[in-house]
N, C-alpha and C. Protein backbone atom coordinates (compact mmCIF):
# COMPACT_ATOMS: atom_id res chain seq x y z
N MET A 1 143.97 121.66 143.47
CA MET A 1 143.41 120.40 143.89
C MET A 1 141.89 120.38 143.69
N PHE A 2 141.20 121.42 144.15
CA PHE A 2 139.74 121.46 143.95
C PHE A 2 139.41 121.51 142.47
N TRP A 3 140.26 122.23 141.75
CA TRP A 3 140.02 122.34 140.31
C TRP A 3 140.14 120.98 139.62
N GLU A 4 141.13 120.18 140.02
CA GLU A 4 141.30 118.85 139.46
C GLU A 4 140.12 117.94 139.79
N LEU A 5 139.62 118.02 141.01
CA LEU A 5 138.44 117.24 141.39
C LEU A 5 137.23 117.66 140.57
N TYR A 6 137.08 118.95 140.41
CA TYR A 6 135.97 119.48 139.61
C TYR A 6 136.07 118.99 138.17
N GLN A 7 137.25 119.05 137.59
CA GLN A 7 137.44 118.59 136.20
C GLN A 7 137.19 117.08 136.07
N GLN A 8 137.65 116.31 137.02
CA GLN A 8 137.42 114.86 136.98
C GLN A 8 135.92 114.56 137.06
N ASN A 9 135.22 115.29 137.90
CA ASN A 9 133.77 115.11 138.02
C ASN A 9 133.08 115.47 136.70
N GLN A 10 133.51 116.54 136.07
CA GLN A 10 132.95 116.96 134.79
C GLN A 10 133.22 115.90 133.72
N LEU A 11 134.41 115.34 133.71
CA LEU A 11 134.76 114.30 132.75
C LEU A 11 133.90 113.05 132.96
N ARG A 12 133.72 112.64 134.21
CA ARG A 12 132.87 111.48 134.50
C ARG A 12 131.44 111.74 134.05
N SER A 13 130.97 112.94 134.31
CA SER A 13 129.61 113.30 133.91
C SER A 13 129.47 113.29 132.38
N ALA A 14 130.45 113.82 131.69
CA ALA A 14 130.42 113.84 130.22
C ALA A 14 130.48 112.41 129.66
N HIS A 15 131.32 111.59 130.27
CA HIS A 15 131.43 110.20 129.83
C HIS A 15 130.12 109.45 130.05
N SER A 16 129.49 109.68 131.18
CA SER A 16 128.21 109.04 131.48
C SER A 16 127.13 109.50 130.49
N SER A 17 127.10 110.78 130.19
CA SER A 17 126.13 111.30 129.22
C SER A 17 126.37 110.72 127.84
N ALA A 18 127.63 110.59 127.46
CA ALA A 18 127.95 110.02 126.16
C ALA A 18 127.55 108.55 126.09
N SER A 19 127.72 107.83 127.16
CA SER A 19 127.33 106.41 127.20
C SER A 19 125.82 106.26 127.07
N ARG A 20 125.07 107.12 127.77
CA ARG A 20 123.61 107.07 127.66
C ARG A 20 123.15 107.43 126.25
N ALA A 21 123.79 108.41 125.65
CA ALA A 21 123.44 108.81 124.29
C ALA A 21 123.74 107.68 123.30
N GLN A 22 124.85 106.99 123.49
CA GLN A 22 125.20 105.88 122.62
C GLN A 22 124.19 104.74 122.76
N ALA A 23 123.79 104.43 123.98
CA ALA A 23 122.80 103.37 124.20
C ALA A 23 121.46 103.74 123.58
N SER A 24 121.09 104.99 123.72
CA SER A 24 119.84 105.46 123.13
C SER A 24 119.89 105.39 121.61
N ALA A 25 121.01 105.77 121.03
CA ALA A 25 121.17 105.70 119.57
C ALA A 25 121.11 104.26 119.08
N GLN A 26 121.70 103.34 119.81
CA GLN A 26 121.66 101.92 119.42
C GLN A 26 120.24 101.37 119.51
N GLN A 27 119.50 101.77 120.54
CA GLN A 27 118.11 101.33 120.68
C GLN A 27 117.27 101.90 119.54
N THR A 28 117.47 103.14 119.20
CA THR A 28 116.74 103.77 118.11
C THR A 28 117.07 103.08 116.79
N TYR A 29 118.31 102.73 116.57
CA TYR A 29 118.73 102.03 115.37
C TYR A 29 118.01 100.68 115.26
N ARG A 30 117.93 99.94 116.38
CA ARG A 30 117.23 98.65 116.37
C ARG A 30 115.75 98.83 116.07
N GLN A 31 115.14 99.88 116.62
CA GLN A 31 113.74 100.15 116.34
C GLN A 31 113.52 100.46 114.87
N ILE A 32 114.41 101.23 114.28
CA ILE A 32 114.31 101.56 112.86
C ILE A 32 114.45 100.30 112.02
N GLU A 33 115.37 99.43 112.38
CA GLU A 33 115.53 98.17 111.64
C GLU A 33 114.25 97.34 111.69
N ARG A 34 113.61 97.25 112.87
CA ARG A 34 112.36 96.49 112.99
C ARG A 34 111.25 97.13 112.16
N LEU A 35 111.17 98.45 112.18
CA LEU A 35 110.16 99.14 111.38
C LEU A 35 110.38 98.93 109.89
N GLU A 36 111.63 98.97 109.46
CA GLU A 36 111.92 98.73 108.04
C GLU A 36 111.54 97.30 107.65
N GLU A 37 111.77 96.34 108.53
CA GLU A 37 111.37 94.96 108.25
C GLU A 37 109.85 94.86 108.12
N LYS A 38 109.12 95.55 109.00
CA LYS A 38 107.65 95.53 108.93
C LYS A 38 107.16 96.19 107.65
N VAL A 39 107.75 97.31 107.29
CA VAL A 39 107.35 98.01 106.06
C VAL A 39 107.60 97.11 104.85
N ASP A 40 108.75 96.44 104.82
CA ASP A 40 109.06 95.54 103.71
C ASP A 40 108.05 94.39 103.63
N ALA A 41 107.70 93.82 104.79
CA ALA A 41 106.73 92.72 104.82
C ALA A 41 105.36 93.19 104.36
N LEU A 42 104.95 94.38 104.80
CA LEU A 42 103.65 94.93 104.38
C LEU A 42 103.64 95.25 102.88
N ALA A 43 104.73 95.78 102.36
CA ALA A 43 104.80 96.07 100.93
C ALA A 43 104.71 94.79 100.13
N LEU A 44 105.37 93.73 100.58
CA LEU A 44 105.31 92.44 99.91
C LEU A 44 103.88 91.89 99.95
N ALA A 45 103.22 91.97 101.10
CA ALA A 45 101.84 91.49 101.23
C ALA A 45 100.91 92.28 100.33
N CYS A 46 101.06 93.60 100.31
CA CYS A 46 100.20 94.44 99.47
C CYS A 46 100.40 94.12 97.99
N GLN A 47 101.64 93.98 97.57
CA GLN A 47 101.91 93.66 96.17
C GLN A 47 101.33 92.30 95.81
N SER A 48 101.49 91.32 96.71
CA SER A 48 100.95 89.98 96.46
C SER A 48 99.43 90.03 96.34
N LEU A 49 98.78 90.71 97.26
CA LEU A 49 97.31 90.83 97.21
C LEU A 49 96.86 91.54 95.94
N TRP A 50 97.56 92.61 95.58
CA TRP A 50 97.18 93.34 94.37
C TRP A 50 97.28 92.44 93.14
N GLU A 51 98.36 91.66 93.04
CA GLU A 51 98.52 90.78 91.89
C GLU A 51 97.44 89.70 91.85
N ILE A 52 97.05 89.18 93.01
CA ILE A 52 95.96 88.20 93.05
C ILE A 52 94.66 88.84 92.57
N VAL A 53 94.35 90.02 93.07
CA VAL A 53 93.11 90.71 92.67
C VAL A 53 93.13 91.02 91.18
N ARG A 54 94.23 91.56 90.70
CA ARG A 54 94.33 91.93 89.28
C ARG A 54 94.18 90.72 88.37
N GLU A 55 94.80 89.61 88.74
CA GLU A 55 94.75 88.40 87.91
C GLU A 55 93.39 87.71 87.94
N SER A 56 92.63 87.88 89.01
CA SER A 56 91.37 87.16 89.15
C SER A 56 90.14 88.06 88.98
N SER A 57 90.35 89.28 88.47
CA SER A 57 89.21 90.18 88.30
C SER A 57 89.49 91.13 87.13
N ASP A 58 88.55 92.03 86.92
CA ASP A 58 88.70 93.04 85.87
C ASP A 58 89.27 94.35 86.41
N PHE A 59 89.78 94.34 87.64
CA PHE A 59 90.31 95.57 88.22
C PHE A 59 91.63 95.94 87.56
N SER A 60 91.80 97.24 87.35
CA SER A 60 93.03 97.74 86.75
C SER A 60 93.78 98.59 87.78
N GLU A 61 94.96 99.00 87.40
CA GLU A 61 95.73 99.89 88.26
C GLU A 61 94.98 101.21 88.48
N ASP A 62 94.24 101.66 87.47
CA ASP A 62 93.43 102.88 87.63
C ASP A 62 92.40 102.72 88.74
N HIS A 63 91.77 101.53 88.81
CA HIS A 63 90.82 101.26 89.89
C HIS A 63 91.51 101.35 91.25
N LEU A 64 92.68 100.74 91.33
CA LEU A 64 93.43 100.73 92.58
C LEU A 64 93.80 102.16 93.00
N LEU A 65 94.34 102.93 92.07
CA LEU A 65 94.75 104.29 92.38
C LEU A 65 93.57 105.16 92.78
N ALA A 66 92.43 104.99 92.11
CA ALA A 66 91.24 105.76 92.45
C ALA A 66 90.77 105.42 93.86
N ARG A 67 90.80 104.13 94.22
CA ARG A 67 90.37 103.74 95.57
C ARG A 67 91.34 104.25 96.61
N MET A 68 92.64 104.23 96.30
CA MET A 68 93.63 104.75 97.24
C MET A 68 93.37 106.24 97.50
N GLU A 69 93.07 106.97 96.45
CA GLU A 69 92.77 108.40 96.60
C GLU A 69 91.51 108.60 97.44
N GLN A 70 90.49 107.79 97.19
CA GLN A 70 89.24 107.88 97.94
C GLN A 70 89.49 107.63 99.44
N ILE A 71 90.25 106.61 99.75
CA ILE A 71 90.55 106.30 101.15
C ILE A 71 91.39 107.40 101.78
N ASP A 72 92.34 107.92 101.04
CA ASP A 72 93.20 109.00 101.52
C ASP A 72 92.37 110.23 101.89
N LEU A 73 91.33 110.51 101.13
CA LEU A 73 90.53 111.71 101.34
C LEU A 73 89.44 111.55 102.40
N ARG A 74 89.31 110.39 103.01
CA ARG A 74 88.28 110.18 104.03
C ARG A 74 88.39 111.16 105.18
N ASP A 75 89.60 111.56 105.49
CA ASP A 75 89.79 112.51 106.59
C ASP A 75 89.83 113.96 106.11
N GLY A 76 89.57 114.16 104.81
CA GLY A 76 89.54 115.52 104.27
C GLY A 76 90.88 116.06 103.82
N LYS A 77 91.93 115.25 103.91
CA LYS A 77 93.28 115.69 103.52
C LYS A 77 93.89 114.70 102.55
N ALA A 78 94.41 115.21 101.45
CA ALA A 78 95.15 114.37 100.50
C ALA A 78 96.62 114.39 100.92
N ASP A 79 96.95 113.52 101.87
CA ASP A 79 98.30 113.53 102.43
C ASP A 79 99.03 112.20 102.30
N GLY A 80 98.43 111.27 101.55
CA GLY A 80 99.07 109.97 101.36
C GLY A 80 99.02 109.08 102.58
N LYS A 81 98.13 109.39 103.53
CA LYS A 81 98.03 108.60 104.76
C LYS A 81 96.60 108.12 104.95
N MET A 82 96.48 106.98 105.57
CA MET A 82 95.16 106.44 105.88
C MET A 82 94.87 106.75 107.34
N SER A 83 93.87 107.59 107.58
CA SER A 83 93.48 107.89 108.94
C SER A 83 92.41 106.91 109.38
N PRO A 84 92.48 106.46 110.63
CA PRO A 84 91.46 105.54 111.11
C PRO A 84 90.07 106.16 111.03
N ILE A 85 89.10 105.33 110.72
CA ILE A 85 87.72 105.78 110.61
C ILE A 85 87.12 105.83 112.00
N GLY A 86 86.48 106.95 112.35
CA GLY A 86 85.77 107.05 113.62
C GLY A 86 84.54 106.16 113.57
N GLN A 87 84.11 105.69 114.72
CA GLN A 87 82.94 104.82 114.75
C GLN A 87 82.12 105.14 115.98
N SER A 88 80.91 104.63 116.01
CA SER A 88 80.04 104.81 117.16
C SER A 88 80.23 103.65 118.12
N CYS A 89 80.16 103.97 119.40
CA CYS A 89 80.29 102.94 120.44
C CYS A 89 79.04 102.06 120.40
N PRO A 90 79.21 100.73 120.41
CA PRO A 90 78.05 99.84 120.39
C PRO A 90 77.22 99.90 121.68
N GLN A 91 77.83 100.40 122.76
CA GLN A 91 77.11 100.43 124.04
C GLN A 91 76.39 101.76 124.25
N CYS A 92 77.10 102.90 124.11
CA CYS A 92 76.48 104.19 124.42
C CYS A 92 76.12 105.00 123.18
N GLY A 93 76.61 104.58 122.00
CA GLY A 93 76.26 105.25 120.76
C GLY A 93 77.03 106.51 120.44
N ARG A 94 77.90 106.93 121.32
CA ARG A 94 78.68 108.14 121.06
C ARG A 94 79.83 107.84 120.11
N LYS A 95 80.29 108.89 119.42
CA LYS A 95 81.46 108.74 118.54
C LYS A 95 82.68 108.45 119.39
N THR A 96 83.45 107.46 118.95
CA THR A 96 84.65 107.09 119.69
C THR A 96 85.88 107.73 119.06
N SER A 97 86.92 107.80 119.84
CA SER A 97 88.18 108.34 119.35
C SER A 97 88.75 107.43 118.28
N ARG A 98 89.32 108.01 117.26
CA ARG A 98 89.93 107.23 116.18
C ARG A 98 91.16 106.47 116.65
N ARG A 99 91.79 106.95 117.67
CA ARG A 99 93.06 106.38 118.11
C ARG A 99 92.92 105.37 119.25
N ARG A 100 91.71 105.17 119.73
CA ARG A 100 91.51 104.27 120.87
C ARG A 100 90.64 103.08 120.49
N GLU A 101 90.85 102.00 121.21
CA GLU A 101 90.03 100.81 121.00
C GLU A 101 89.01 100.64 122.12
N HIS A 102 88.87 101.69 122.95
CA HIS A 102 87.87 101.71 124.02
C HIS A 102 87.13 103.04 123.93
N CYS A 103 85.85 103.01 124.23
CA CYS A 103 85.05 104.23 124.25
C CYS A 103 85.55 105.12 125.39
N ILE A 104 85.80 106.39 125.11
CA ILE A 104 86.29 107.29 126.15
C ILE A 104 85.17 107.72 127.10
N TYR A 105 83.92 107.41 126.76
CA TYR A 105 82.79 107.79 127.60
C TYR A 105 82.36 106.67 128.54
N CYS A 106 82.22 105.44 128.01
CA CYS A 106 81.71 104.35 128.85
C CYS A 106 82.72 103.22 129.07
N GLY A 107 83.83 103.22 128.34
CA GLY A 107 84.86 102.20 128.53
C GLY A 107 84.68 100.93 127.71
N GLN A 108 83.60 100.85 126.95
CA GLN A 108 83.33 99.67 126.13
C GLN A 108 84.45 99.45 125.11
N THR A 109 84.87 98.21 124.93
CA THR A 109 85.85 97.88 123.90
C THR A 109 85.18 98.00 122.55
N THR A 110 85.78 98.81 121.65
CA THR A 110 85.19 99.01 120.33
C THR A 110 86.00 98.36 119.24
N GLY A 111 87.31 98.28 119.41
CA GLY A 111 88.18 97.72 118.37
C GLY A 111 88.35 98.70 117.22
N PRO A 112 89.26 98.43 116.33
CA PRO A 112 89.50 99.32 115.19
C PRO A 112 88.35 99.23 114.19
N ALA A 113 88.15 100.33 113.46
CA ALA A 113 87.05 100.38 112.48
C ALA A 113 87.37 99.56 111.24
N GLU A 114 88.62 99.39 110.90
CA GLU A 114 88.99 98.61 109.72
C GLU A 114 90.12 97.66 110.08
N VAL A 115 90.28 96.64 109.28
CA VAL A 115 91.24 95.59 109.59
C VAL A 115 92.67 96.12 109.70
N PHE A 116 93.06 97.08 108.89
CA PHE A 116 94.43 97.60 108.93
C PHE A 116 94.61 98.68 109.98
N GLY A 117 93.56 98.97 110.74
CA GLY A 117 93.67 99.93 111.83
C GLY A 117 94.24 99.31 113.09
N ARG A 118 94.43 97.99 113.06
CA ARG A 118 94.99 97.30 114.22
C ARG A 118 96.46 97.63 114.38
N ARG A 119 96.91 97.58 115.59
CA ARG A 119 98.32 97.90 115.88
C ARG A 119 99.19 96.70 115.66
C-alpha cells in the first residue's frame, strides 16, 4: 500500500515535470520564431539599404565588405559580430558600459553609441 502511494506520487511528479518542460519548450519555440522574423526583417532592410546606396553612389561591394571588416574589428576581434562602442558619460565624463544605457557611476542616461545599438 505504501509502495503504491509512493509510486503514484512519483508518477504525478514526473507528469508535472513533463508538463512544465513541454510549456517551456513551446515558449522557447515561440521566441525562436519571433527572433527569426526579426532577423528576416533586418536582412530585408539591410539588403534594401545596400541596393539604394549602391545605385545612388560609386560604392561597390568591396567598399561594403571593407567597412564591415573595419566595424567588426573595433573590439579587437574578427568574429563577425558588431560590439557596441563604449562612450563617455556626458555628465561625469567617465567611460560607460557598452551594455548599458545609463552611466554606472552617476546614473545619467547615455543611450546607445550607434543607431543599431538600440534594443
